[in-house]
Amino acid sequence: MRKFLLFLFLACVLISGVFASGDEASVSVEYEKEFEVSKEYLIVPIKNGGENGLMTLYVDGEKIFDYSVSFANSAEEADWYAFFSISRFSGKKARLVVKATESGFALIKQSDSVPQEDGFYKESLRPQFHFTSKRGWLNDVNGMIYYDGLYHMYYQHNPVSVNWGNMTWGHATSPDMIHWTEQPKVLFPKNEIGTCYSGAAFIDFKNQLGKKTGSNDVIVAAYLRTKIGLCLAYSNDAGQTFTDYENNPVLTHAGARIDTPRPFFYEPTGRWVSPTYDFFTNDKGEKRRCVGFYSSADLKDWKFESRVEQDGWGDELCGCVDFFQLPIDGNAKNKKWVMIFIDGSYIIGDFDGSIFYTLAGKAADVKDRNNSLVVRGNFYATMTFENDPQGRRVQVTWMQGWIPDMPFNQQVTVPSELTLHSTADGPIMKMNPVKEFESLRKKTHKWQGTLGAGSKALSDVKGELFDVEVEFKPSEKSRTVFSLRGIEVVYDAENETLSFGNEKKSRRTKLKPVNGVIRLRMLLDRTSIEVYGNDGRVYMPLMVFADEKNRSFSAICTKGNARVNSLKIHELRSIYVK
């Protein structure tokens, strides 16, 4: 009897607890609704850190996407709202299948506006000249291409969370690589074939995939579908929407996925060539990473050509590899091939359509790479724009670093032009902000003279966003300090080092004067600083948060002195200011 009474008591406690927590309304179950698409967006309320549910959308019986979502259970509980553009399906029958609570399911709806959209780009930690997604997470930039007057940037995106996951291709366009307009997402995760990892875009100018239906050239995206392999998707509307190729995957091999392809057409052989993030087994039976070269006559059937091997497991150096030609010293008759790895290190060499050789004439491997001009900080997964109208190679990367307590997360670097330059030790690569960035300058302050312990330059300048250019000749053992809203950039002449940051986060690198002179370019945004040293010989990106109350600039030598030939401080406008 005692056992029975104890059992009854515990059962009553359990049942009362269930009802106290909201009865069946607090239990995630599968719900379904059908509707005719009649509005611009599908709106989804998000609770950061909430219990994960599932969401699947079908249109006219075709699955559009699957997402794992932390739904809010009430409008009061919603931290922010995810949104999907569905207007392209206008008039069609849609079916939404959701695993959520009843109250959470009821909040998912069609709408011609997004809740909280009046606050887009006005958040306190929103970068003001670095691209960020309106809502959700971003990481690797993908499919960088110029077409018909616009630069297209696709990117790894989780539209329903500020954390990584649900990999989708987000999309933004720009006339100048500086002012971006976010566009509807283009590639979506589906449980049966996987999510959409990184890749590249190119123009199928000969219509070899056979998918051209109108006047536009077909833009093709090559990317990894995580469950099936390397895939193609094509666009007939100038990159606004993509359709997966029906015979995907086009490239895979047993025991290893092939990732982050970078196809281009190689004129001398009349074949498409794609370096990819690949794997192989060495002569000891050990699995190793590499850049694998594959070629195709028609984009559909690919064969292995060669590889750039990585000896040892190591970091994912071969992921998101980029590969292109650049002229040395601007001489179009003296071009070399450049392979850039995920950390910004690179190899300069020659390519015959099958094998990549170093300048010494040996087949290249990862050990042949130059040290990166990038001082690793918040920098990962390089990618350059294809088909730039000026023939440039402009690089944008994921500026890896957390932006806390915001309905968006992560940002990308300022677009920088890559160039090759001859030196006594062989050609080197430099990078500098694209010329278009100067369009953000609204007011310039100039100064020249000698800095010392008792003298400061332009200390009366106040502002939030800065572009600073300086050329100075440091005295022996001097220490020159530039402070941008409390973020210090320091040149130590005794040790020939450049360092910057604050007490919480900093970076340091060697930087020798060129003809006795140091040149720096410093770009300060709300959540980052990027420093280019000696005309782009080094590049240092850092996620760092300036003190909101500090709007000052100063330049001083705390040891010795420095002759400043030119100091220009450009106050910048936000890319969101018309």
Protein backbone atom coordinates (compact mmCIF):
# COMPACT_ATOMS: atom_id res chain seq x y z
CA MET A 1 0.00 0.00 0.00
CA ARG A 2 2.81 2.42 0.91
CA LYS A 3 4.46 1.78 -2.46
CA PHE A 4 1.13 2.39 -4.22
CA LEU A 5 0.53 5.66 -2.33
CA LEU A 6 4.08 6.81 -3.07
CA PHE A 7 3.60 5.99 -6.74
CA LEU A 8 0.27 7.89 -6.78
CA PHE A 9 1.84 10.90 -5.10
CA LEU A 10 4.74 11.06 -7.57
CA ALA A 11 2.37 10.64 -10.51
CA CYS A 12 0.23 13.55 -9.26
CA VAL A 13 3.34 15.72 -8.88
CA LEU A 14 4.46 14.83 -12.42
CA ILE A 15 1.03 15.49 -13.94
CA SER A 16 0.62 18.80 -12.11
CA GLY A 17 4.08 19.82 -13.33
CA VAL A 18 3.12 19.11 -16.91
CA PHE A 19 -0.05 21.22 -16.67
CA ALA A 20 1.78 23.98 -14.80
CA SER A 21 4.28 24.22 -17.67
CA GLY A 22 1.60 24.91 -20.25
CA ASP A 23 0.01 21.54 -21.06
CA GLU A 24 0.31 20.39 -24.69
CA ALA A 25 1.05 23.97 -25.84
CA SER A 26 4.60 23.55 -24.48
CA VAL A 27 5.21 20.27 -26.31
CA SER A 28 6.82 20.26 -29.76
CA VAL A 29 4.75 18.23 -32.18
CA GLU A 30 4.36 18.29 -35.97
CA TYR A 31 1.93 20.81 -37.41
CA GLU A 32 1.09 21.53 -41.01
CA LYS A 33 -0.59 24.32 -42.94
CA GLU A 34 -1.37 24.91 -46.59
CA PHE A 35 -1.68 28.36 -48.15
CA GLU A 36 -1.49 30.23 -51.42
CA VAL A 37 1.60 32.41 -51.66
CA SER A 38 0.38 35.99 -51.79
CA LYS A 39 2.95 38.08 -49.89
CA GLU A 40 6.65 38.93 -50.01
CA TYR A 41 8.02 37.01 -47.01
CA LEU A 42 7.63 33.98 -44.82
CA ILE A 43 8.24 35.24 -41.27
CA VAL A 44 9.73 32.99 -38.57
CA PRO A 45 10.06 34.11 -34.88
CA ILE A 46 13.42 33.14 -33.33
CA LYS A 47 14.35 32.52 -29.70
CA ASN A 48 18.13 32.46 -29.24
CA GLY A 49 19.14 29.29 -27.42
CA GLY A 50 15.61 27.90 -27.50
CA GLU A 51 14.62 24.30 -28.11
CA ASN A 52 15.25 23.22 -31.69
CA GLY A 53 12.31 22.42 -33.93
CA LEU A 54 12.10 21.61 -37.64
CA MET A 55 10.65 23.48 -40.61
CA THR A 56 10.08 22.26 -44.18
CA LEU A 57 8.54 24.27 -47.03
CA TYR A 58 7.00 22.73 -50.16
CA VAL A 59 5.71 24.70 -53.16
CA ASP A 60 3.53 22.88 -55.71
CA GLY A 61 4.72 19.65 -54.15
CA GLU A 62 8.44 20.42 -54.58
CA LYS A 63 10.56 20.68 -51.45
CA ILE A 64 12.21 24.10 -51.17
CA PHE A 65 14.10 23.72 -47.89
CA ASP A 66 14.55 22.04 -44.51
CA TYR A 67 15.67 23.99 -41.44
CA SER A 68 16.44 23.28 -37.80
CA VAL A 69 14.99 26.28 -35.94
CA SER A 70 14.78 27.53 -32.36
CA PHE A 71 11.25 28.93 -32.55
CA ALA A 72 9.92 31.54 -30.16
CA ASN A 73 6.68 30.48 -28.46
CA SER A 74 5.24 34.00 -28.29
CA ALA A 75 5.81 37.45 -29.73
CA GLU A 76 7.13 38.55 -26.34
CA GLU A 77 9.67 35.72 -26.36
CA ALA A 78 10.97 36.42 -29.89
CA ASP A 79 14.51 37.80 -29.91
CA TRP A 80 14.30 38.52 -33.63
CA TYR A 81 12.56 37.35 -36.82
CA ALA A 82 14.03 35.33 -39.66
CA PHE A 83 12.55 35.88 -43.10
CA PHE A 84 12.50 34.14 -46.47
CA SER A 85 11.48 35.83 -49.71
CA ILE A 86 8.66 33.77 -51.26
CA SER A 87 7.23 36.29 -53.72
CA ARG A 88 8.71 34.36 -56.67
CA PHE A 89 6.15 31.65 -55.86
CA SER A 90 3.23 34.09 -55.94
CA GLY A 91 -0.07 32.35 -56.71
CA LYS A 92 1.32 28.87 -56.09
CA LYS A 93 0.22 26.41 -53.43
CA ALA A 94 2.58 26.08 -50.49
CA ARG A 95 2.68 23.60 -47.63
CA LEU A 96 4.57 24.23 -44.42
CA VAL A 97 5.45 21.34 -42.12
CA VAL A 98 6.79 22.37 -38.73
CA LYS A 99 7.79 20.62 -35.53
CA ALA A 100 7.18 23.22 -32.83
CA THR A 101 4.80 24.17 -30.06
CA GLU A 102 1.31 25.12 -31.13
CA SER A 103 1.84 28.73 -30.12
CA GLY A 104 5.19 28.90 -31.95
CA PHE A 105 3.68 27.39 -35.08
CA ALA A 106 0.88 29.97 -35.03
CA LEU A 107 3.42 32.82 -35.26
CA ILE A 108 4.87 31.63 -38.59
CA LYS A 109 3.10 33.63 -41.30
CA GLN A 110 3.21 35.38 -44.65
CA SER A 111 3.83 39.12 -44.60
CA ASP A 112 4.79 42.00 -46.87
CA SER A 113 7.10 43.36 -44.18
CA VAL A 114 9.57 42.00 -41.63
CA PRO A 115 9.02 42.74 -37.94
CA GLN A 116 11.77 45.02 -36.59
CA GLU A 117 12.86 46.00 -40.12
CA ASP A 118 12.89 49.67 -39.10
CA GLY A 119 15.90 48.74 -36.98
CA PHE A 120 17.91 47.08 -39.76
CA TYR A 121 21.48 48.47 -39.89
CA LYS A 122 20.82 50.74 -36.89
CA GLU A 123 22.04 48.31 -34.21
CA SER A 124 24.76 49.59 -31.87
CA LEU A 125 27.33 47.02 -33.03
CA ARG A 126 26.41 47.01 -36.71
CA PRO A 127 29.61 47.50 -38.78
CA GLN A 128 29.25 50.60 -40.92
CA PHE A 129 31.39 49.72 -43.93
CA HIS A 130 31.84 45.95 -43.66
CA PHE A 131 29.15 43.72 -45.16
CA THR A 132 26.90 41.91 -42.68
CA SER A 133 23.68 40.00 -43.24
CA LYS A 134 20.50 41.71 -42.07
CA ARG A 135 19.76 38.79 -39.78
CA GLY A 136 21.46 35.53 -38.84
CA TRP A 137 24.92 34.07 -39.22
CA LEU A 138 27.41 34.33 -42.11
CA ASN A 139 30.83 32.80 -42.75
CA ASP A 140 32.72 32.00 -46.00
CA VAL A 141 32.11 34.27 -48.98
CA ASN A 142 31.17 32.27 -52.10
CA GLY A 143 30.53 32.72 -55.82
CA MET A 144 32.13 36.15 -56.13
CA ILE A 145 31.41 37.39 -59.63
CA TYR A 146 30.75 40.55 -61.66
CA TYR A 147 27.92 40.41 -64.19
CA ASP A 148 25.98 43.08 -66.08
CA GLY A 149 26.92 46.06 -63.91
CA LEU A 150 26.76 44.36 -60.51
CA TYR A 151 29.14 42.57 -58.20
CA HIS A 152 27.55 39.46 -56.69
CA MET A 153 28.62 38.12 -53.32
CA TYR A 154 27.11 34.86 -52.15
CA TYR A 155 27.98 33.66 -48.67
CA GLN A 156 27.57 30.85 -46.18
CA HIS A 157 24.50 31.79 -44.18
CA ASN A 158 22.31 30.50 -41.38
CA PRO A 159 19.17 32.64 -41.77
CA VAL A 160 17.45 31.27 -38.64
CA SER A 161 20.24 31.53 -36.05
CA VAL A 162 23.19 33.67 -35.00
CA ASN A 163 25.20 30.43 -34.75
CA TRP A 164 26.70 28.28 -37.51
CA GLY A 165 24.43 25.68 -39.12
CA ASN A 166 21.73 25.16 -41.79
CA MET A 167 24.24 26.19 -44.45
CA THR A 168 22.47 28.27 -47.11
CA TRP A 169 23.81 30.55 -49.83
CA GLY A 170 22.92 34.13 -48.93
CA HIS A 171 23.25 36.76 -51.64
CA ALA A 172 24.08 40.46 -51.92
CA THR A 173 24.79 42.75 -54.86
CA SER A 174 26.73 45.98 -55.27
CA PRO A 175 27.62 48.41 -58.06
CA ASP A 176 30.99 49.18 -56.43
CA MET A 177 31.85 46.43 -53.87
CA ILE A 178 31.24 48.97 -51.08
CA HIS A 179 27.48 49.62 -50.98
CA TRP A 180 25.66 46.28 -50.74
CA THR A 181 22.00 45.35 -51.15
CA GLU A 182 20.95 42.06 -49.58
CA GLN A 183 19.01 39.87 -52.01
CA PRO A 184 16.86 36.75 -51.48
CA LYS A 185 18.74 33.58 -50.58
CA VAL A 186 19.53 31.28 -53.51
CA LEU A 187 20.61 27.78 -52.34
CA PHE A 188 18.90 25.95 -49.47
CA PRO A 189 19.52 22.91 -47.24
CA LYS A 190 17.50 19.74 -47.86
CA ASN A 191 17.75 16.75 -45.55
CA GLU A 192 18.07 14.16 -48.31
CA ILE A 193 21.03 15.82 -50.11
CA GLY A 194 22.60 17.97 -47.41
CA THR A 195 23.41 21.59 -46.81
CA CYS A 196 25.15 24.03 -49.18
CA TYR A 197 28.84 24.47 -48.46
CA SER A 198 31.32 26.82 -50.10
CA GLY A 199 32.05 27.15 -53.79
CA ALA A 200 32.46 29.54 -56.70
CA ALA A 201 30.47 31.06 -59.55
CA PHE A 202 31.42 31.52 -63.20
CA ILE A 203 29.81 32.35 -66.54
CA ASP A 204 29.02 29.44 -68.86
CA PHE A 205 29.65 31.66 -71.88
CA LYS A 206 29.46 28.76 -74.38
CA ASN A 207 26.32 27.27 -72.80
CA GLN A 208 28.12 23.97 -72.32
CA LEU A 209 25.78 22.96 -69.52
CA GLY A 210 22.94 23.48 -71.99
CA LYS A 211 20.74 25.48 -69.63
CA LYS A 212 20.45 28.86 -71.34
CA THR A 213 16.81 29.85 -71.87
CA GLY A 214 16.91 33.60 -72.45
CA SER A 215 19.20 36.46 -73.42
CA ASN A 216 21.31 36.34 -70.26
CA ASP A 217 24.47 34.27 -70.13
CA VAL A 218 24.10 31.42 -67.67
CA ILE A 219 25.82 31.90 -64.32
CA VAL A 220 26.84 28.57 -62.82
CA ALA A 221 27.55 27.94 -59.14
CA ALA A 222 29.82 25.01 -58.24
CA TYR A 223 29.59 23.96 -54.60
CA LEU A 224 29.51 21.04 -52.18
CA ARG A 225 26.23 19.38 -51.19
CA THR A 226 27.32 17.73 -47.98
CA LYS A 227 25.56 14.37 -48.45
CA ILE A 228 26.21 13.77 -52.15
CA GLY A 229 29.30 15.64 -53.41
CA LEU A 230 30.29 18.48 -55.70
CA CYS A 231 27.25 19.97 -57.43
CA LEU A 232 26.29 22.57 -60.00
CA ALA A 233 23.41 25.03 -59.97
CA TYR A 234 22.55 27.46 -62.77
CA SER A 235 20.91 30.85 -63.12
CA ASN A 236 19.17 32.37 -66.14
CA ASP A 237 18.16 35.58 -64.37
CA ALA A 238 21.57 37.20 -63.77
CA GLY A 239 22.26 35.37 -60.52
CA GLN A 240 19.02 36.16 -58.67
CA THR A 241 17.80 32.54 -58.45
CA PHE A 242 19.50 29.17 -59.04
CA THR A 243 18.26 25.74 -60.06
CA ASP A 244 20.20 22.62 -59.10
CA TYR A 245 21.53 20.62 -62.06
CA GLU A 246 19.45 17.46 -62.40
CA ASN A 247 22.47 15.13 -62.71
CA ASN A 248 24.22 16.23 -59.50
CA PRO A 249 26.70 15.37 -58.16
CA VAL A 250 29.13 15.93 -61.02
CA LEU A 251 32.26 15.04 -59.07
CA THR A 252 32.96 12.76 -56.12
CA HIS A 253 35.23 9.85 -55.20
CA ALA A 254 35.15 7.08 -52.64
CA GLY A 255 36.32 7.81 -49.12
CA ALA A 256 36.64 11.58 -49.38
CA ARG A 257 34.46 14.54 -50.21
CA ILE A 258 35.57 17.09 -52.77
CA ASP A 259 34.97 20.59 -51.48
CA THR A 260 35.14 24.29 -52.42
CA PRO A 261 35.64 24.06 -56.20
CA ARG A 262 37.00 27.05 -58.18
CA PRO A 263 36.27 26.34 -61.91
CA PHE A 264 37.67 28.49 -64.73
CA PHE A 265 38.03 28.06 -68.47
CA TYR A 266 41.62 27.40 -69.59
CA GLU A 267 41.92 28.67 -73.17
CA PRO A 268 45.09 26.81 -74.30
CA THR A 269 43.47 23.38 -73.76
CA GLY A 270 39.86 24.43 -74.32
CA ARG A 271 38.85 22.74 -71.05
CA TRP A 272 37.35 23.81 -67.76
CA VAL A 273 39.75 23.39 -64.85
CA SER A 274 38.81 23.31 -61.19
CA PRO A 275 41.17 23.30 -58.23
CA THR A 276 39.30 21.83 -55.25
CA TYR A 277 39.77 21.04 -51.58
CA ASP A 278 40.52 17.35 -51.89
CA PHE A 279 41.99 14.35 -50.07
CA PHE A 280 44.34 11.56 -51.08
CA THR A 281 46.16 8.56 -49.59
CA ASN A 282 49.96 8.79 -49.63
CA ASP A 283 52.38 5.93 -50.24
CA LYS A 284 52.29 5.10 -46.51
CA GLY A 285 48.53 4.58 -46.60
CA GLU A 286 47.88 7.84 -44.70
CA LYS A 287 44.99 10.14 -45.59
CA ARG A 288 46.18 13.64 -46.40
CA ARG A 289 44.68 16.94 -47.57
CA CYS A 290 45.51 18.52 -50.93
CA VAL A 291 44.36 20.83 -53.68
CA GLY A 292 43.16 18.53 -56.45
CA PHE A 293 43.04 19.73 -60.06
CA TYR A 294 40.20 18.33 -62.19
CA SER A 295 39.31 19.18 -65.79
CA SER A 296 36.23 18.89 -68.01
CA ALA A 297 35.29 19.55 -71.60
CA ASP A 298 31.61 20.13 -70.83
CA LEU A 299 31.25 20.88 -67.08
CA LYS A 300 29.47 17.54 -66.62
CA ASP A 301 32.24 14.92 -66.74
CA TRP A 302 35.41 15.64 -64.77
CA LYS A 303 38.74 13.84 -64.65
CA PHE A 304 41.63 14.08 -62.20
CA GLU A 305 44.73 15.94 -63.43
CA SER A 306 47.13 16.52 -60.53
CA ARG A 307 47.34 17.66 -56.94
CA VAL A 308 49.20 20.11 -54.71
CA GLU A 309 49.87 17.92 -51.71
CA GLN A 310 49.90 18.79 -48.04
CA ASP A 311 52.32 16.61 -46.07
CA GLY A 312 50.76 15.96 -42.68
CA TRP A 313 47.24 16.59 -41.50
CA GLY A 314 47.61 20.12 -40.19
CA ASP A 315 45.15 22.95 -40.65
CA GLU A 316 42.68 23.15 -43.51
CA LEU A 317 45.13 25.10 -45.66
CA CYS A 318 43.73 23.63 -48.87
CA GLY A 319 40.13 24.60 -48.12
CA CYS A 320 38.60 27.50 -50.06
CA VAL A 321 41.63 27.67 -52.34
CA ASP A 322 41.72 30.44 -54.96
CA PHE A 323 43.69 30.26 -58.21
CA PHE A 324 44.19 32.89 -60.90
CA GLN A 325 46.69 34.83 -63.02
CA LEU A 326 48.22 38.21 -62.20
CA PRO A 327 50.72 40.38 -64.10
CA ILE A 328 54.04 41.19 -62.41
CA ASP A 329 54.48 44.96 -61.99
CA GLY A 330 51.40 45.49 -64.16
CA ASN A 331 53.06 43.95 -67.23
CA ALA A 332 50.34 42.05 -69.11
CA LYS A 333 53.03 40.12 -71.03
CA ASN A 334 54.51 38.72 -67.81
CA LYS A 335 51.71 36.96 -65.96
CA LYS A 336 52.08 34.30 -63.31
CA TRP A 337 49.60 31.96 -61.64
CA VAL A 338 48.83 32.47 -57.96
CA MET A 339 47.38 29.87 -55.61
CA ILE A 340 46.07 31.34 -52.34
CA PHE A 341 45.38 29.09 -49.38
CA ILE A 342 42.77 29.52 -46.69
CA ASP A 343 45.07 31.53 -44.40
CA GLY A 344 46.28 33.91 -47.12
CA SER A 345 49.62 32.16 -47.76
CA TYR A 346 50.33 31.65 -51.44
CA ILE A 347 52.43 30.08 -54.20
CA ILE A 348 53.45 31.96 -57.36
CA GLY A 349 54.15 29.76 -60.36
CA ASP A 350 53.21 28.47 -63.81
CA PHE A 351 50.33 26.27 -64.94
CA ASP A 352 50.00 24.12 -68.08
CA GLY A 353 46.34 23.19 -67.75
CA SER A 354 47.17 20.07 -65.77
CA ILE A 355 50.01 20.69 -63.30
CA PHE A 356 50.88 23.75 -61.19
CA TYR A 357 54.65 24.38 -61.07
CA THR A 358 56.72 26.65 -58.83
CA LEU A 359 58.88 29.32 -60.44
CA ALA A 360 61.77 26.87 -59.99
CA GLY A 361 59.98 24.43 -62.30
CA LYS A 362 59.00 21.69 -59.82
CA ALA A 363 55.46 20.45 -59.26
CA ALA A 364 54.17 22.59 -56.41
CA ASP A 365 53.25 21.31 -52.97
CA VAL A 366 52.07 23.13 -49.88
CA LYS A 367 55.62 23.45 -48.52
CA ASP A 368 56.41 25.80 -51.43
CA ARG A 369 54.04 28.52 -50.28
CA ASN A 370 55.21 31.98 -49.27
CA ASN A 371 54.43 33.12 -45.76
CA SER A 372 51.12 34.90 -45.79
CA LEU A 373 51.15 38.67 -46.09
CA VAL A 374 48.15 38.36 -43.78
CA VAL A 375 48.91 38.46 -40.08
CA ARG A 376 46.37 35.88 -38.99
CA GLY A 377 43.71 37.42 -36.90
CA ASN A 378 40.14 37.61 -38.06
CA PHE A 379 40.68 36.34 -41.59
CA TYR A 380 39.58 33.04 -43.15
CA ALA A 381 38.49 31.53 -46.47
CA THR A 382 39.78 33.79 -49.24
CA MET A 383 37.84 34.45 -52.44
CA THR A 384 38.32 36.88 -55.33
CA PHE A 385 35.79 38.33 -57.75
CA GLU A 386 35.58 36.64 -61.14
CA ASN A 387 35.10 38.72 -64.31
CA ASP A 388 36.03 42.11 -62.82
CA PRO A 389 35.47 44.71 -65.58
CA GLN A 390 38.89 46.29 -64.93
CA GLY A 391 40.69 42.95 -64.95
CA ARG A 392 41.57 43.22 -61.26
CA ARG A 393 41.70 40.46 -58.66
CA VAL A 394 39.78 41.79 -55.68
CA GLN A 395 39.72 39.69 -52.55
CA VAL A 396 37.09 39.52 -49.82
CA THR A 397 37.23 37.12 -46.88
CA TRP A 398 35.25 36.10 -43.85
CA MET A 399 36.32 38.36 -40.95
CA GLN A 400 35.99 35.59 -38.40
CA GLY A 401 34.91 36.95 -34.99
CA TRP A 402 31.89 37.10 -32.73
CA ILE A 403 29.59 40.13 -32.58
CA PRO A 404 27.75 39.66 -29.28
CA ASP A 405 24.09 40.22 -28.42
CA MET A 406 22.98 41.16 -31.91
CA PRO A 407 20.38 39.55 -34.24
CA PHE A 408 23.20 39.10 -36.80
CA ASN A 409 26.69 37.64 -36.45
CA GLN A 410 30.03 37.83 -38.32
CA GLN A 411 31.18 40.18 -41.10
CA VAL A 412 33.42 40.27 -44.18
CA THR A 413 36.60 42.24 -44.81
CA VAL A 414 36.95 45.38 -46.89
CA PRO A 415 37.51 44.42 -50.57
CA SER A 416 41.24 44.58 -51.37
CA GLU A 417 43.03 44.45 -54.72
CA LEU A 418 45.81 41.86 -55.07
CA THR A 419 48.91 42.71 -57.13
CA LEU A 420 52.28 41.07 -57.89
CA HIS A 421 55.56 42.95 -57.57
CA SER A 422 59.14 41.98 -58.41
CA THR A 423 61.81 42.08 -55.68
CA ALA A 424 65.42 40.92 -55.41
CA ASP A 425 64.10 37.72 -53.81
CA GLY A 426 61.45 37.07 -56.45
CA PRO A 427 57.89 38.30 -56.93
CA ILE A 428 55.68 38.98 -53.92
CA MET A 429 52.00 39.77 -53.53
CA LYS A 430 50.57 42.93 -52.03
CA MET A 431 47.01 43.89 -51.14
CA ASN A 432 45.38 47.27 -50.69
CA PRO A 433 41.80 48.55 -50.31
CA VAL A 434 40.02 48.99 -53.63
CA LYS A 435 39.91 52.52 -55.03
CA GLU A 436 36.12 52.52 -54.64
CA PHE A 437 36.50 52.62 -50.85
CA GLU A 438 37.55 56.26 -51.09
CA SER A 439 33.95 57.15 -52.00
CA LEU A 440 33.15 56.92 -48.27
CA ARG A 441 35.45 59.81 -47.34
CA LYS A 442 33.51 62.87 -46.20
CA LYS A 443 36.15 65.08 -44.55
CA THR A 444 39.96 65.02 -44.59
CA HIS A 445 42.46 66.41 -42.06
CA LYS A 446 46.15 66.78 -43.05
CA TRP A 447 49.35 67.25 -41.07
CA GLN A 448 53.11 66.97 -41.46
CA GLY A 449 55.95 67.65 -39.08
CA THR A 450 57.94 65.95 -36.34
CA LEU A 451 56.37 63.83 -33.64
CA GLY A 452 58.03 63.65 -30.26
CA ALA A 453 57.20 62.84 -26.67
CA GLY A 454 55.80 66.31 -26.13
CA SER A 455 54.05 66.77 -29.47
CA LYS A 456 50.86 65.30 -30.85
CA ALA A 457 49.28 65.54 -34.29
CA LEU A 458 45.60 66.26 -35.08
CA SER A 459 44.51 65.45 -31.53
CA ASP A 460 41.48 67.72 -32.01
CA VAL A 461 39.99 65.37 -34.64
CA LYS A 462 36.85 63.54 -33.48
CA GLY A 463 34.90 60.87 -35.29
CA GLU A 464 33.55 57.32 -35.35
CA LEU A 465 34.83 55.84 -38.63
CA PHE A 466 38.36 56.53 -39.87
CA ASP A 467 40.58 55.89 -42.88
CA VAL A 468 44.10 56.98 -41.91
CA GLU A 469 47.08 57.23 -44.28
CA VAL A 470 50.51 58.02 -42.91
CA GLU A 471 54.10 58.05 -44.15
CA PHE A 472 56.82 58.63 -41.56
CA LYS A 473 60.55 58.20 -41.00
CA PRO A 474 61.15 56.83 -37.49
CA SER A 475 64.33 57.69 -35.59
CA GLU A 476 66.47 54.88 -34.22
CA LYS A 477 64.80 53.15 -31.22
CA SER A 478 61.71 55.34 -31.51
CA ARG A 479 58.18 54.22 -30.62
CA THR A 480 55.43 55.83 -32.68
CA VAL A 481 51.82 55.46 -31.52
CA PHE A 482 48.63 56.18 -33.46
CA SER A 483 45.48 55.98 -31.35
CA LEU A 484 42.14 55.56 -33.15
CA ARG A 485 39.37 55.81 -30.57
CA GLY A 486 41.67 54.14 -28.06
CA ILE A 487 42.81 51.37 -30.43
CA GLU A 488 46.58 51.80 -30.59
CA VAL A 489 48.70 51.09 -33.68
CA VAL A 490 52.36 51.08 -32.62
CA TYR A 491 55.57 51.03 -34.63
CA ASP A 492 58.65 50.00 -32.64
CA ALA A 493 61.70 51.08 -34.65
CA GLU A 494 64.19 49.31 -32.39
CA ASN A 495 62.60 45.91 -33.02
CA GLU A 496 61.12 46.78 -36.42
CA THR A 497 57.67 45.58 -35.33
CA LEU A 498 54.15 46.78 -35.99
CA SER A 499 51.51 45.97 -33.38
CA PHE A 500 47.99 47.08 -32.67
CA GLY A 501 44.88 46.41 -30.62
CA ASN A 502 43.94 46.97 -26.99
CA GLU A 503 44.52 45.28 -23.65
CA LYS A 504 42.10 42.46 -24.54
CA LYS A 505 43.23 41.65 -28.08
CA SER A 506 46.29 42.54 -30.15
CA ARG A 507 48.47 41.50 -33.10
CA ARG A 508 52.18 41.96 -33.90
CA THR A 509 54.37 41.48 -36.99
CA LYS A 510 57.80 42.38 -38.33
CA LEU A 511 57.84 45.42 -40.64
CA LYS A 512 61.08 46.90 -41.95
CA PRO A 513 61.26 50.43 -43.31
CA VAL A 514 61.49 50.80 -47.09
CA ASN A 515 64.10 53.45 -47.92
CA GLY A 516 63.92 54.47 -44.27
CA VAL A 517 60.16 55.07 -44.40
CA ILE A 518 57.11 53.31 -42.94
CA ARG A 519 53.73 53.64 -44.67
CA LEU A 520 50.48 52.61 -42.97
CA ARG A 521 46.82 52.55 -43.97
CA MET A 522 44.37 52.06 -41.08
CA LEU A 523 40.61 51.47 -41.45
CA LEU A 524 38.54 51.70 -38.26
CA ASP A 525 34.93 50.50 -38.08
CA ARG A 526 32.70 49.95 -35.04
CA THR A 527 33.83 46.36 -34.51
CA SER A 528 37.18 46.09 -36.30
CA ILE A 529 40.38 47.63 -37.52
CA GLU A 530 42.32 46.67 -40.66
CA VAL A 531 45.94 47.80 -41.05
CA TYR A 532 47.91 47.67 -44.32
CA GLY A 533 51.68 48.09 -43.94
CA ASN A 534 54.18 49.42 -46.50
CA ASP A 535 51.80 49.65 -49.44
CA GLY A 536 50.20 46.29 -48.71
CA ARG A 537 53.25 44.14 -47.93
CA VAL A 538 51.46 43.11 -44.75
CA TYR A 539 47.78 43.11 -43.85
CA MET A 540 46.45 42.86 -40.30
CA PRO A 541 42.68 42.46 -39.72
CA LEU A 542 41.40 42.44 -36.15
CA MET A 543 37.96 42.25 -34.58
CA VAL A 544 38.10 44.83 -31.80
CA PHE A 545 35.46 47.05 -30.22
CA ALA A 546 36.22 50.72 -29.73
CA ASP A 547 34.90 52.47 -26.64
CA GLU A 548 31.59 54.03 -27.66
CA LYS A 549 32.42 57.22 -25.72
CA ASN A 550 35.88 57.63 -27.22
CA ARG A 551 35.80 59.44 -30.59
CA SER A 552 39.37 60.77 -30.53
CA PHE A 553 42.48 60.43 -32.67
CA SER A 554 46.08 61.11 -31.69
CA ALA A 555 49.62 60.52 -32.95
CA ILE A 556 52.68 60.72 -30.71
CA CYS A 557 56.17 59.29 -30.17
CA THR A 558 56.56 57.89 -26.66
CA LYS A 559 60.26 57.28 -27.39
CA GLY A 560 62.47 59.15 -29.83
CA ASN A 561 60.85 61.00 -32.69
CA ALA A 562 59.46 60.47 -36.18
CA ARG A 563 59.44 62.76 -39.17
CA VAL A 564 55.92 62.61 -40.63
CA ASN A 565 56.04 63.31 -44.35
CA SER A 566 52.27 62.98 -44.69
CA LEU A 567 49.39 62.25 -42.33
CA LYS A 568 45.82 62.20 -43.65
CA ILE A 569 42.81 61.37 -41.53
CA HIS A 570 39.68 60.77 -43.56
CA GLU A 571 36.42 60.76 -41.64
CA LEU A 572 34.09 58.23 -43.26
CA ARG A 573 30.37 58.06 -43.85
CA SER A 574 28.41 54.88 -43.28
CA ILE A 575 27.51 52.77 -46.32
CA TYR A 576 23.92 53.06 -45.04
CA VAL A 577 23.84 56.86 -45.40
CA LYS A 578 22.31 57.92 -48.72
